[in-house]
Every structure is written in structure tokens, then in C-alpha cells.
Amino acid sequence: MKVLIADKADAICEKTLKARGLEAVYKPGLPLEELKKEISDCEAVIVRSATKITAEIVEAAKKLKAVARAGSGVDTIDVPACSAKKVLVMNTPFGNTVSTAEHAIAMMMSLARHIPQAHASTIAGKWEKNKFEGVELTGKTLGVVGCGNVGSVVADRAMGLKMKVLAFDPVMTTERAREMGVKMVSLDELFANSDFITFHVNLNDKTKNMVNKDTIAKMKKGVRIINCARGAVMVEEDVKAALESGHIAAMAADVYAKEPATEHIFFGMPNVICTPHIAASTKDAQITVARQAAEQIADYLLEGKIKHAVNGDKI
């Protein structure tokens, strides 16, 4: 059986598929028509975040049985279209958890101490000590919106930095919050009381545009926000206006409503730190998710085993 690796992935992905007796075809970044042709006789496809598995692609993939996302988010995959064709969609929700959480913590520290801006100023021959006065994290309150795989690790690391942690997650139980040592609150309460806010939610109808002019107004003046989730969680124009007014003191963004973001309204703002969707981009995480995606595909095609399916009840 043939498996297409349609995005850049660690070599362990192809190696794992071949070791299980599957034919692995590594062709990342194919244009639409070439992708449709290549996938037409494939039983499975492995993607990351670049290649979109649309209804058109699913229709062209006559033999397709499974799609695996080497990562957690599946918003680039038309899951309903896959379900309609009885194509299983799986992700690897734990493989890049630590890498993403550590990036969020790094972004928070960078916001607190203006690290990228101070670096750029210093190597430009300036010595602007007074310009880059920062704030300590110790004793500050971090609001974690979405306390699942990634958010829970961020909360743990933040408490190690002696921060107070507020958590909002509709599916988190009080028992789980107690185990983690965080205070479970409403979203409004989190916004009103957090010095820093970090977002770790999937993109869906409830989370899309959850940060907008109305919810920003509920945030503490001078808040610093970090987004390593999905860009569309925020109304970017509203966030920009709040950054300009000072209501939001600073922001760190790893994700954007439209990617790749070669141009963006945040770019060039002195109180914004931008990275190109690299939160999960560590060697460690890429090896893990590539191996997991390959193993899950092989288990399903060869043995009928299903792991981390997002539409298992529809197949």
C-alpha cells in the first residue's frame, strides 16, 4: 500500500513506513494538480501544516483510507469531507507538546524583558539601557486559556517560575485543576486579573475571534499576550488597535490568521514579537511526530488499529 508524505517531515517518517512494509513516497509541497495526481492511488497521506487536504483532494484520492497530521491541529484538513468518504483522520496530539509549551514560555520571557528589541538595538551600536526596562515574572499572574496538553505544561513551567496561574478550560474538572495547582476561573475573570495571557486552544466556532475589541476591553490594562495556538483566535485588527492604545502592552505571535505571513499588520510594531509558526519546530518534536504519524498509519492500514482519530465515530 502506498503512503504519500505530502509535507516536509523527518526522515524517520519514511523509514518507519518502509520498515512496516509500506511504499512511502516523499513529495512535499506539490502544487494542487500534481498533488491530486500523486494522491489518486494512495491509501494514506501524511501532512503537517502546509498542505491542505480539501474536499477536492479527497475526491481525487480514490483509494484513500487515512490522513495523518504530524502535529495536533487538523484545521488544514476537511474532516467532514473525509468522514463522508470514510477516510480516517488522525493527529499526534502529544508529540510536540513540550516544544510548543517551551516556546510560549520563551515568548513570555522575551515580552517581559524586551529581548529581541534589546538585541537589535545593541548590535546596531546603541546602548539603550533605560529604554528596555522590563518586568519580573515572579509574583505575576498568568492566564492560560486552554489547559489541555500544551496549556497544562505551560502552567506547570510558569508555577516553577513562581507565577500565579489562572486557567480557563470548559472541559477541565475542578479535580484536575486541583491536581495541577491552578485556579480555575471564567474567561472574563481570567481576562480581568491576568498580567500575561497565553492561548492554547484548537480553532473552532467557539474559539474563533475570541479575542476582539469587546473581550480586550475586559482585560487588565497593560496585559501582555502570547499566541502559539492559531491566528484566527484573534481579530488581528482589534489587537493591533489595543497595542497602539497601550491597553495591551505587548504581544508575542507565532501564528497568524493567514499563513505564510510574509506581510502582516503586526510587523514593525515596536511592542510585538513575531516568529514564523515555529513553536513545534524542534528536532525533538519533529522526530516524534513524524514517527508517530507513520506508526499510526501503518497500524491502521495493516492491522485496523485506530489511535488519536478525530472522526473515528464517523468511519
C-alpha atoms as a PDB file:
ATOM      1  CA  MET A   1       0.000   0.000   0.000  1.00  0.00           C
ATOM      2  CA  LYS A   2       1.181   3.480  -0.887  1.00  0.00           C
ATOM      3  CA  VAL A   3       1.561   6.364   1.566  1.00  0.00           C
ATOM      4  CA  LEU A   4       2.263   9.914   0.395  1.00  0.00           C
ATOM      5  CA  ILE A   5       4.279  12.165   2.693  1.00  0.00           C
ATOM      6  CA  ALA A   6       2.984  15.485   1.388  1.00  0.00           C
ATOM      7  CA  ASP A   7       4.851  17.882   3.699  1.00  0.00           C
ATOM      8  CA  LYS A   8       8.408  18.147   4.927  1.00  0.00           C
ATOM      9  CA  ALA A   9       8.942  15.553   7.639  1.00  0.00           C
ATOM     10  CA  ASP A  10      11.870  13.996   9.423  1.00  0.00           C
ATOM     11  CA  ALA A  11      13.421  11.040   7.588  1.00  0.00           C
ATOM     12  CA  ILE A  12      12.196   8.735  10.359  1.00  0.00           C
ATOM     13  CA  CYS A  13       8.702   9.025   8.838  1.00  0.00           C
ATOM     14  CA  GLU A  14       9.640   7.424   5.529  1.00  0.00           C
ATOM     15  CA  LYS A  15      11.949   4.938   7.265  1.00  0.00           C
ATOM     16  CA  THR A  16       9.194   3.802   9.639  1.00  0.00           C
ATOM     17  CA  LEU A  17       6.668   3.281   6.837  1.00  0.00           C
ATOM     18  CA  LYS A  18       9.125   1.212   4.799  1.00  0.00           C
ATOM     19  CA  ALA A  19      10.091  -0.851   7.836  1.00  0.00           C
ATOM     20  CA  ARG A  20       6.413  -1.795   8.179  1.00  0.00           C
ATOM     21  CA  GLY A  21       6.299  -2.935   4.536  1.00  0.00           C
ATOM     22  CA  LEU A  22       4.511   0.078   3.072  1.00  0.00           C
ATOM     23  CA  GLU A  23       5.502   2.039  -0.016  1.00  0.00           C
ATOM     24  CA  ALA A  24       6.475   5.544   1.087  1.00  0.00           C
ATOM     25  CA  VAL A  25       6.547   8.422  -1.390  1.00  0.00           C
ATOM     26  CA  TYR A  26       8.180  11.585  -0.096  1.00  0.00           C
ATOM     27  CA  LYS A  27       6.976  14.547  -2.193  1.00  0.00           C
ATOM     28  CA  PRO A  28       6.442  17.615  -0.022  1.00  0.00           C
ATOM     29  CA  GLY A  29       4.947  20.843  -1.330  1.00  0.00           C
ATOM     30  CA  LEU A  30       3.316  19.608  -4.513  1.00  0.00           C
ATOM     31  CA  PRO A  31       1.155  22.113  -6.459  1.00  0.00           C
ATOM     32  CA  LEU A  32      -2.555  21.336  -6.421  1.00  0.00           C
ATOM     33  CA  GLU A  33      -2.843  19.455  -9.738  1.00  0.00           C
ATOM     34  CA  GLU A  34       0.299  17.418  -9.076  1.00  0.00           C
ATOM     35  CA  LEU A  35      -0.936  16.608  -5.585  1.00  0.00           C
ATOM     36  CA  LYS A  36      -4.284  15.404  -6.975  1.00  0.00           C
ATOM     37  CA  LYS A  37      -2.463  13.170  -9.450  1.00  0.00           C
ATOM     38  CA  GLU A  38       0.003  11.793  -6.902  1.00  0.00           C
ATOM     39  CA  ILE A  39      -2.610  11.071  -4.253  1.00  0.00           C
ATOM     40  CA  SER A  40      -5.007   9.356  -6.664  1.00  0.00           C
ATOM     41  CA  ASP A  41      -3.597   5.875  -5.972  1.00  0.00           C
ATOM     42  CA  CYS A  42      -2.552   6.349  -2.338  1.00  0.00           C
ATOM     43  CA  GLU A  43      -4.122   4.559   0.599  1.00  0.00           C
ATOM     44  CA  ALA A  44      -2.895   7.218   3.035  1.00  0.00           C
ATOM     45  CA  VAL A  45      -1.292  10.639   3.247  1.00  0.00           C
ATOM     46  CA  ILE A  46       0.779  12.281   5.973  1.00  0.00           C
ATOM     47  CA  VAL A  47       0.768  16.074   6.280  1.00  0.00           C
ATOM     48  CA  ARG A  48       1.936  18.812   8.588  1.00  0.00           C
ATOM     49  CA  SER A  49       0.550  22.351   8.336  1.00  0.00           C
ATOM     50  CA  ALA A  50       1.465  23.401   4.792  1.00  0.00           C
ATOM     51  CA  THR A  51      -0.525  21.009   2.589  1.00  0.00           C
ATOM     52  CA  LYS A  52      -4.290  21.370   2.802  1.00  0.00           C
ATOM     53  CA  ILE A  53      -6.427  18.264   2.422  1.00  0.00           C
ATOM     54  CA  THR A  54      -9.546  19.811   0.927  1.00  0.00           C
ATOM     55  CA  ALA A  55     -12.724  18.180  -0.332  1.00  0.00           C
ATOM     56  CA  GLU A  56     -11.265  18.452  -3.840  1.00  0.00           C
ATOM     57  CA  ILE A  57      -8.177  16.494  -2.782  1.00  0.00           C
ATOM     58  CA  VAL A  58     -10.260  13.878  -1.006  1.00  0.00           C
ATOM     59  CA  GLU A  59     -12.390  13.439  -4.120  1.00  0.00           C
ATOM     60  CA  ALA A  60      -9.270  12.909  -6.236  1.00  0.00           C
ATOM     61  CA  ALA A  61      -7.871  10.325  -3.807  1.00  0.00           C
ATOM     62  CA  LYS A  62      -9.918   7.334  -4.946  1.00  0.00           C
ATOM     63  CA  LYS A  63      -8.146   4.786  -2.721  1.00  0.00           C
ATOM     64  CA  LEU A  64      -7.601   6.994   0.315  1.00  0.00           C
ATOM     65  CA  LYS A  65      -8.279   5.348   3.664  1.00  0.00           C
ATOM     66  CA  ALA A  66      -6.455   7.584   6.141  1.00  0.00           C
ATOM     67  CA  VAL A  67      -4.942  11.031   6.692  1.00  0.00           C
ATOM     68  CA  ALA A  68      -2.419  11.592   9.475  1.00  0.00           C
ATOM     69  CA  ARG A  69      -1.403  15.013  10.734  1.00  0.00           C
ATOM     70  CA  ALA A  70       2.136  15.065  12.153  1.00  0.00           C
ATOM     71  CA  GLY A  71       1.043  17.570  14.779  1.00  0.00           C
ATOM     72  CA  SER A  72      -2.070  18.381  16.753  1.00  0.00           C
ATOM     73  CA  GLY A  73      -4.229  20.815  14.759  1.00  0.00           C
ATOM     74  CA  VAL A  74      -6.368  19.459  11.917  1.00  0.00           C
ATOM     75  CA  ASP A  75      -7.799  22.766  10.681  1.00  0.00           C
ATOM     76  CA  THR A  76      -5.989  22.299   7.334  1.00  0.00           C
ATOM     77  CA  ILE A  77      -7.892  19.049   6.774  1.00  0.00           C
ATOM     78  CA  ASP A  78     -11.526  18.993   5.646  1.00  0.00           C
ATOM     79  CA  VAL A  79     -12.623  16.472   8.251  1.00  0.00           C
ATOM     80  CA  PRO A  80     -16.319  16.384   7.181  1.00  0.00           C
ATOM     81  CA  ALA A  81     -15.264  15.651   3.585  1.00  0.00           C
ATOM     82  CA  CYS A  82     -13.005  12.863   4.838  1.00  0.00           C
ATOM     83  CA  SER A  83     -15.775  11.441   7.010  1.00  0.00           C
ATOM     84  CA  ALA A  84     -18.192  11.464   4.064  1.00  0.00           C
ATOM     85  CA  LYS A  85     -15.718   9.299   2.144  1.00  0.00           C
ATOM     86  CA  LYS A  86     -14.979   7.090   5.186  1.00  0.00           C
ATOM     87  CA  VAL A  87     -11.419   8.398   5.387  1.00  0.00           C
ATOM     88  CA  LEU A  88      -9.990   8.255   8.903  1.00  0.00           C
ATOM     89  CA  VAL A  89      -8.291  11.426  10.150  1.00  0.00           C
ATOM     90  CA  MET A  90      -5.686  11.116  12.901  1.00  0.00           C
ATOM     91  CA  ASN A  91      -3.352  13.527  14.644  1.00  0.00           C
ATOM     92  CA  THR A  92      -0.378  13.245  17.000  1.00  0.00           C
ATOM     93  CA  PRO A  93      -1.539  15.408  19.914  1.00  0.00           C
ATOM     94  CA  PHE A  94       1.325  14.763  22.320  1.00  0.00           C
ATOM     95  CA  GLY A  95       4.386  14.734  20.069  1.00  0.00           C
ATOM     96  CA  ASN A  96       5.074  18.468  20.053  1.00  0.00           C
ATOM     97  CA  THR A  97       3.548  19.363  23.424  1.00  0.00           C
ATOM     98  CA  VAL A  98       6.740  20.240  25.283  1.00  0.00           C
ATOM     99  CA  SER A  99       8.287  22.114  22.352  1.00  0.00           C
ATOM    100  CA  THR A 100       5.184  24.285  21.918  1.00  0.00           C
ATOM    101  CA  ALA A 101       4.901  24.944  25.651  1.00  0.00           C
ATOM    102  CA  GLU A 102       8.563  25.899  25.923  1.00  0.00           C
ATOM    103  CA  HIS A 103       8.195  28.310  23.005  1.00  0.00           C
ATOM    104  CA  ALA A 104       5.281  30.009  24.763  1.00  0.00           C
ATOM    105  CA  ILE A 105       7.384  30.382  27.915  1.00  0.00           C
ATOM    106  CA  ALA A 106      10.280  31.766  25.840  1.00  0.00           C
ATOM    107  CA  MET A 107       7.901  34.260  24.229  1.00  0.00           C
ATOM    108  CA  MET A 108       6.610  35.323  27.646  1.00  0.00           C
ATOM    109  CA  MET A 109      10.151  35.907  28.928  1.00  0.00           C
ATOM    110  CA  SER A 110      11.000  37.839  25.768  1.00  0.00           C
ATOM    111  CA  LEU A 111       7.973  40.070  26.287  1.00  0.00           C
ATOM    112  CA  ALA A 112       8.876  40.683  29.922  1.00  0.00           C
ATOM    113  CA  ARG A 113      12.437  41.726  29.109  1.00  0.00           C
ATOM    114  CA  HIS A 114      12.213  43.105  25.522  1.00  0.00           C
ATOM    115  CA  ILE A 115      14.899  40.628  24.468  1.00  0.00           C
ATOM    116  CA  PRO A 116      14.540  40.774  20.648  1.00  0.00           C
ATOM    117  CA  GLN A 117      14.279  44.564  20.641  1.00  0.00           C
ATOM    118  CA  ALA A 118      17.235  44.976  23.009  1.00  0.00           C
ATOM    119  CA  HIS A 119      19.321  42.618  20.871  1.00  0.00           C
ATOM    120  CA  ALA A 120      18.547  44.554  17.681  1.00  0.00           C
ATOM    121  CA  SER A 121      19.346  47.854  19.394  1.00  0.00           C
ATOM    122  CA  THR A 122      22.621  46.634  20.867  1.00  0.00           C
ATOM    123  CA  ILE A 123      24.044  45.164  17.668  1.00  0.00           C
ATOM    124  CA  ALA A 124      23.072  48.390  15.897  1.00  0.00           C
ATOM    125  CA  GLY A 125      25.646  50.137  18.098  1.00  0.00           C
ATOM    126  CA  LYS A 126      23.234  51.671  20.575  1.00  0.00           C
ATOM    127  CA  TRP A 127      23.341  51.304  24.366  1.00  0.00           C
ATOM    128  CA  GLU A 128      19.740  51.962  25.412  1.00  0.00           C
ATOM    129  CA  LYS A 129      19.644  50.600  28.961  1.00  0.00           C
ATOM    130  CA  ASN A 130      16.840  52.895  30.070  1.00  0.00           C
ATOM    131  CA  LYS A 131      14.671  52.099  27.066  1.00  0.00           C
ATOM    132  CA  PHE A 132      14.346  48.395  27.810  1.00  0.00           C
ATOM    133  CA  GLU A 133      13.239  48.337  31.428  1.00  0.00           C
ATOM    134  CA  GLY A 134      11.298  45.108  31.892  1.00  0.00           C
ATOM    135  CA  VAL A 135       9.132  43.377  34.464  1.00  0.00           C
ATOM    136  CA  GLU A 136       9.707  40.313  36.623  1.00  0.00           C
ATOM    137  CA  LEU A 137       7.617  37.197  36.151  1.00  0.00           C
ATOM    138  CA  THR A 138       7.827  36.217  39.819  1.00  0.00           C
ATOM    139  CA  GLY A 139       4.543  37.007  41.544  1.00  0.00           C
ATOM    140  CA  LYS A 140       2.766  37.924  38.312  1.00  0.00           C
ATOM    141  CA  THR A 141      -0.446  36.216  37.216  1.00  0.00           C
ATOM    142  CA  LEU A 142      -0.516  34.135  34.053  1.00  0.00           C
ATOM    143  CA  GLY A 143      -3.859  33.318  32.463  1.00  0.00           C
ATOM    144  CA  VAL A 144      -3.822  30.075  30.487  1.00  0.00           C
ATOM    145  CA  VAL A 145      -6.687  29.834  28.007  1.00  0.00           C
ATOM    146  CA  GLY A 146      -6.966  26.154  27.123  1.00  0.00           C
ATOM    147  CA  CYS A 147      -5.398  23.880  29.700  1.00  0.00           C
ATOM    148  CA  GLY A 148      -5.047  20.681  27.688  1.00  0.00           C
ATOM    149  CA  ASN A 149      -1.835  19.051  26.506  1.00  0.00           C
ATOM    150  CA  VAL A 150       0.150  22.222  25.874  1.00  0.00           C
ATOM    151  CA  GLY A 151      -1.573  24.573  28.290  1.00  0.00           C
ATOM    152  CA  SER A 152      -1.044  22.253  31.233  1.00  0.00           C
ATOM    153  CA  VAL A 153       2.712  22.114  30.548  1.00  0.00           C
ATOM    154  CA  VAL A 154       2.858  25.910  30.259  1.00  0.00           C
ATOM    155  CA  ALA A 155       1.041  26.193  33.595  1.00  0.00           C
ATOM    156  CA  ASP A 156       3.495  23.801  35.221  1.00  0.00           C
ATOM    157  CA  ARG A 157       6.526  25.708  33.939  1.00  0.00           C
ATOM    158  CA  ALA A 158       5.003  29.037  34.969  1.00  0.00           C
ATOM    159  CA  MET A 159       4.458  27.842  38.518  1.00  0.00           C
ATOM    160  CA  GLY A 160       8.130  26.825  38.534  1.00  0.00           C
ATOM    161  CA  LEU A 161       8.843  30.493  37.814  1.00  0.00           C
ATOM    162  CA  LYS A 162       6.782  31.409  40.901  1.00  0.00           C
ATOM    163  CA  MET A 163       3.886  32.806  38.901  1.00  0.00           C
ATOM    164  CA  LYS A 164       0.248  32.547  39.914  1.00  0.00           C
ATOM    165  CA  VAL A 165      -1.766  30.652  37.300  1.00  0.00           C
ATOM    166  CA  LEU A 166      -5.408  31.141  36.357  1.00  0.00           C
ATOM    167  CA  ALA A 167      -6.874  28.610  33.951  1.00  0.00           C
ATOM    168  CA  PHE A 168      -9.905  28.625  31.692  1.00  0.00           C
ATOM    169  CA  ASP A 169     -10.924  25.407  30.003  1.00  0.00           C
ATOM    170  CA  PRO A 170     -14.577  24.361  29.608  1.00  0.00           C
ATOM    171  CA  VAL A 171     -13.770  20.653  29.852  1.00  0.00           C
ATOM    172  CA  MET A 172     -11.320  20.798  32.758  1.00  0.00           C
ATOM    173  CA  THR A 173     -12.630  19.435  36.049  1.00  0.00           C
ATOM    174  CA  THR A 174     -12.079  21.025  39.444  1.00  0.00           C
ATOM    175  CA  GLU A 175     -10.210  17.876  40.435  1.00  0.00           C
ATOM    176  CA  ARG A 176      -7.810  18.278  37.506  1.00  0.00           C
ATOM    177  CA  ALA A 177      -7.280  21.948  38.363  1.00  0.00           C
ATOM    178  CA  ARG A 178      -6.510  20.993  41.940  1.00  0.00           C
ATOM    179  CA  GLU A 179      -4.010  18.351  40.790  1.00  0.00           C
ATOM    180  CA  MET A 180      -2.262  20.933  38.601  1.00  0.00           C
ATOM    181  CA  GLY A 181      -2.244  23.589  41.285  1.00  0.00           C
ATOM    182  CA  VAL A 182      -4.030  26.192  39.178  1.00  0.00           C
ATOM    183  CA  LYS A 183      -7.116  28.246  39.920  1.00  0.00           C
ATOM    184  CA  MET A 184      -9.975  27.511  37.527  1.00  0.00           C
ATOM    185  CA  VAL A 185     -11.899  30.660  36.604  1.00  0.00           C
ATOM    186  CA  SER A 186     -14.288  32.031  33.999  1.00  0.00           C
ATOM    187  CA  LEU A 187     -12.820  33.594  30.876  1.00  0.00           C
ATOM    188  CA  ASP A 188     -13.933  37.053  31.967  1.00  0.00           C
ATOM    189  CA  GLU A 189     -12.252  36.608  35.352  1.00  0.00           C
ATOM    190  CA  LEU A 190      -9.076  35.399  33.677  1.00  0.00           C
ATOM    191  CA  PHE A 191      -9.016  38.404  31.356  1.00  0.00           C
ATOM    192  CA  ALA A 192      -9.624  40.839  34.212  1.00  0.00           C
ATOM    193  CA  ASN A 193      -6.899  39.521  36.513  1.00  0.00           C
ATOM    194  CA  SER A 194      -4.026  38.299  34.335  1.00  0.00           C
ATOM    195  CA  ASP A 195      -0.770  40.162  33.764  1.00  0.00           C
ATOM    196  CA  PHE A 196       0.112  37.750  30.959  1.00  0.00           C
ATOM    197  CA  ILE A 197      -2.322  35.654  28.901  1.00  0.00           C
ATOM    198  CA  THR A 198      -1.337  32.693  26.744  1.00  0.00           C
ATOM    199  CA  PHE A 199      -3.650  30.867  24.343  1.00  0.00           C
ATOM    200  CA  HIS A 200      -3.569  27.106  23.777  1.00  0.00           C
ATOM    201  CA  VAL A 201      -6.898  26.225  22.147  1.00  0.00           C
ATOM    202  CA  ASN A 202      -7.954  24.491  18.965  1.00  0.00           C
ATOM    203  CA  LEU A 203      -9.604  26.636  16.327  1.00  0.00           C
ATOM    204  CA  ASN A 204     -13.348  26.065  16.203  1.00  0.00           C
ATOM    205  CA  ASP A 205     -16.584  28.030  16.179  1.00  0.00           C
ATOM    206  CA  LYS A 206     -16.255  28.841  19.900  1.00  0.00           C
ATOM    207  CA  THR A 207     -12.626  29.958  19.831  1.00  0.00           C
ATOM    208  CA  LYS A 208     -12.519  31.809  16.509  1.00  0.00           C
ATOM    209  CA  ASN A 209     -12.239  35.575  17.143  1.00  0.00           C
ATOM    210  CA  MET A 210     -12.458  35.033  20.911  1.00  0.00           C
ATOM    211  CA  VAL A 211     -10.051  37.955  21.331  1.00  0.00           C
ATOM    212  CA  ASN A 212     -11.840  41.003  19.939  1.00  0.00           C
ATOM    213  CA  LYS A 213     -12.485  44.604  20.923  1.00  0.00           C
ATOM    214  CA  ASP A 214     -15.159  43.578  23.423  1.00  0.00           C
ATOM    215  CA  THR A 215     -13.107  40.908  25.176  1.00  0.00           C
ATOM    216  CA  ILE A 216      -9.961  43.060  25.052  1.00  0.00           C
ATOM    217  CA  ALA A 217     -11.892  45.713  26.979  1.00  0.00           C
ATOM    218  CA  LYS A 218     -12.297  43.161  29.779  1.00  0.00           C
ATOM    219  CA  MET A 219      -8.539  42.609  30.037  1.00  0.00           C
ATOM    220  CA  LYS A 220      -6.332  44.343  32.579  1.00  0.00           C
ATOM    221  CA  LYS A 221      -4.734  47.465  31.111  1.00  0.00           C
ATOM    222  CA  GLY A 222      -1.094  46.729  30.306  1.00  0.00           C
ATOM    223  CA  VAL A 223      -1.603  42.992  29.772  1.00  0.00           C
ATOM    224  CA  ARG A 224       0.896  41.069  27.672  1.00  0.00           C
ATOM    225  CA  ILE A 225      -0.455  38.289  25.454  1.00  0.00           C
ATOM    226  CA  ILE A 226       1.087  35.255  23.772  1.00  0.00           C
ATOM    227  CA  ASN A 227      -0.485  33.321  20.908  1.00  0.00           C
ATOM    228  CA  CYS A 228       1.051  29.990  19.941  1.00  0.00           C
ATOM    229  CA  ALA A 229      -2.340  28.437  19.091  1.00  0.00           C
ATOM    230  CA  ARG A 230      -3.990  29.668  15.891  1.00  0.00           C
ATOM    231  CA  GLY A 231      -4.019  33.160  14.443  1.00  0.00           C
ATOM    232  CA  ALA A 232      -7.769  33.258  13.890  1.00  0.00           C
ATOM    233  CA  VAL A 233      -8.347  33.003  17.645  1.00  0.00           C
ATOM    234  CA  MET A 234      -7.856  36.762  17.497  1.00  0.00           C
ATOM    235  CA  VAL A 235      -9.354  39.584  15.483  1.00  0.00           C
ATOM    236  CA  GLU A 236      -5.953  40.888  14.498  1.00  0.00           C
ATOM    237  CA  GLU A 237      -7.125  44.408  13.654  1.00  0.00           C
ATOM    238  CA  ASP A 238      -8.656  44.764  17.140  1.00  0.00           C
ATOM    239  CA  VAL A 239      -5.461  43.513  18.776  1.00  0.00           C
ATOM    240  CA  LYS A 240      -3.387  45.984  16.741  1.00  0.00           C
ATOM    241  CA  ALA A 241      -5.597  48.858  17.870  1.00  0.00           C
ATOM    242  CA  ALA A 242      -5.223  47.788  21.512  1.00  0.00           C
ATOM    243  CA  LEU A 243      -1.443  47.546  21.105  1.00  0.00           C
ATOM    244  CA  GLU A 244      -1.383  51.067  19.678  1.00  0.00           C
ATOM    245  CA  SER A 245      -3.524  52.450  22.511  1.00  0.00           C
ATOM    246  CA  GLY A 246      -1.460  50.696  25.175  1.00  0.00           C
ATOM    247  CA  HIS A 247      -4.355  48.680  26.562  1.00  0.00           C
ATOM    248  CA  ILE A 248      -2.327  45.646  25.507  1.00  0.00           C
ATOM    249  CA  ALA A 249       1.260  46.486  26.463  1.00  0.00           C
ATOM    250  CA  ALA A 250       2.870  43.892  24.222  1.00  0.00           C
ATOM    251  CA  MET A 251       2.202  40.753  22.248  1.00  0.00           C
ATOM    252  CA  ALA A 252       4.132  37.718  21.048  1.00  0.00           C
ATOM    253  CA  ALA A 253       2.699  35.954  17.996  1.00  0.00           C
ATOM    254  CA  ASP A 254       3.802  32.668  16.484  1.00  0.00           C
ATOM    255  CA  VAL A 255       0.625  32.183  14.433  1.00  0.00           C
ATOM    256  CA  TYR A 256      -1.419  34.354  12.093  1.00  0.00           C
ATOM    257  CA  ALA A 257      -4.888  34.275  10.570  1.00  0.00           C
ATOM    258  CA  LYS A 258      -3.347  33.789   7.137  1.00  0.00           C
ATOM    259  CA  GLU A 259      -0.126  31.832   6.694  1.00  0.00           C
ATOM    260  CA  PRO A 260       2.529  32.059   5.461  1.00  0.00           C
ATOM    261  CA  ALA A 261       2.508  35.623   6.746  1.00  0.00           C
ATOM    262  CA  THR A 262       5.107  37.376   4.602  1.00  0.00           C
ATOM    263  CA  GLU A 263       3.299  40.643   5.303  1.00  0.00           C
ATOM    264  CA  HIS A 264       1.252  41.441   8.381  1.00  0.00           C
ATOM    265  CA  ILE A 265      -0.202  44.361  10.324  1.00  0.00           C
ATOM    266  CA  PHE A 266       1.839  43.315  13.380  1.00  0.00           C
ATOM    267  CA  PHE A 267       5.153  43.513  11.562  1.00  0.00           C
ATOM    268  CA  GLY A 268       7.235  46.529  12.545  1.00  0.00           C
ATOM    269  CA  MET A 269       5.280  47.311  15.705  1.00  0.00           C
ATOM    270  CA  PRO A 270       7.772  48.056  18.499  1.00  0.00           C
ATOM    271  CA  ASN A 271       5.789  46.141  21.123  1.00  0.00           C
ATOM    272  CA  VAL A 272       5.223  42.955  19.116  1.00  0.00           C
ATOM    273  CA  ILE A 273       7.478  39.901  18.822  1.00  0.00           C
ATOM    274  CA  CYS A 274       6.820  37.696  15.800  1.00  0.00           C
ATOM    275  CA  THR A 275       8.029  34.200  14.934  1.00  0.00           C
ATOM    276  CA  PRO A 276       7.052  32.125  11.856  1.00  0.00           C
ATOM    277  CA  HIS A 277       4.897  29.345  13.387  1.00  0.00           C
ATOM    278  CA  ILE A 278       7.906  27.584  14.909  1.00  0.00           C
ATOM    279  CA  ALA A 279       6.553  26.647  18.336  1.00  0.00           C
ATOM    280  CA  ALA A 280       6.647  22.948  17.453  1.00  0.00           C
ATOM    281  CA  SER A 281       9.802  23.230  15.365  1.00  0.00           C
ATOM    282  CA  THR A 282      12.388  21.471  17.448  1.00  0.00           C
ATOM    283  CA  LYS A 283      14.362  18.496  16.239  1.00  0.00           C
ATOM    284  CA  ASP A 284      12.987  16.503  19.149  1.00  0.00           C
ATOM    285  CA  ALA A 285       9.344  17.246  18.319  1.00  0.00           C
ATOM    286  CA  GLN A 286       9.697  16.684  14.579  1.00  0.00           C
ATOM    287  CA  ILE A 287      11.245  13.258  15.071  1.00  0.00           C
ATOM    288  CA  THR A 288       8.489  12.312  17.499  1.00  0.00           C
ATOM    289  CA  VAL A 289       5.506  13.447  15.403  1.00  0.00           C
ATOM    290  CA  ALA A 290       6.978  12.012  12.172  1.00  0.00           C
ATOM    291  CA  ARG A 291       7.452   8.622  13.780  1.00  0.00           C
ATOM    292  CA  GLN A 292       4.042   8.678  15.473  1.00  0.00           C
ATOM    293  CA  ALA A 293       2.188   9.651  12.292  1.00  0.00           C
ATOM    294  CA  ALA A 294       3.897   6.860  10.351  1.00  0.00           C
ATOM    295  CA  GLU A 295       3.202   4.280  13.047  1.00  0.00           C
ATOM    296  CA  GLN A 296      -0.461   5.292  13.270  1.00  0.00           C
ATOM    297  CA  ILE A 297      -0.889   4.997   9.502  1.00  0.00           C
ATOM    298  CA  ALA A 298       0.826   1.605   9.448  1.00  0.00           C
ATOM    299  CA  ASP A 299      -1.211   0.333  12.402  1.00  0.00           C
ATOM    300  CA  TYR A 300      -4.459   1.345  10.700  1.00  0.00           C
ATOM    301  CA  LEU A 301      -3.682   0.116   7.181  1.00  0.00           C
ATOM    302  CA  LEU A 302      -2.093  -3.167   8.265  1.00  0.00           C
ATOM    303  CA  GLU A 303      -3.918  -4.054  11.469  1.00  0.00           C
ATOM    304  CA  GLY A 304      -7.022  -1.874  11.625  1.00  0.00           C
ATOM    305  CA  LYS A 305      -5.842  -0.234  14.849  1.00  0.00           C
ATOM    306  CA  ILE A 306      -7.047   3.321  15.416  1.00  0.00           C
ATOM    307  CA  LYS A 307      -5.197   5.844  17.591  1.00  0.00           C
ATOM    308  CA  HIS A 308      -5.905   9.550  18.055  1.00  0.00           C
ATOM    309  CA  ALA A 309      -8.650   9.643  15.438  1.00  0.00           C
ATOM    310  CA  VAL A 310     -10.674  12.851  15.255  1.00  0.00           C
ATOM    311  CA  ASN A 311     -13.525  11.292  13.253  1.00  0.00           C
ATOM    312  CA  GLY A 312     -13.420   7.678  14.399  1.00  0.00           C
ATOM    313  CA  ASP A 313     -17.138   7.707  15.184  1.00  0.00           C
ATOM    314  CA  LYS A 314     -17.897   8.602  11.551  1.00  0.00           C
ATOM    315  CA  ILE A 315     -15.975   5.755   9.918  1.00  0.00           C
END
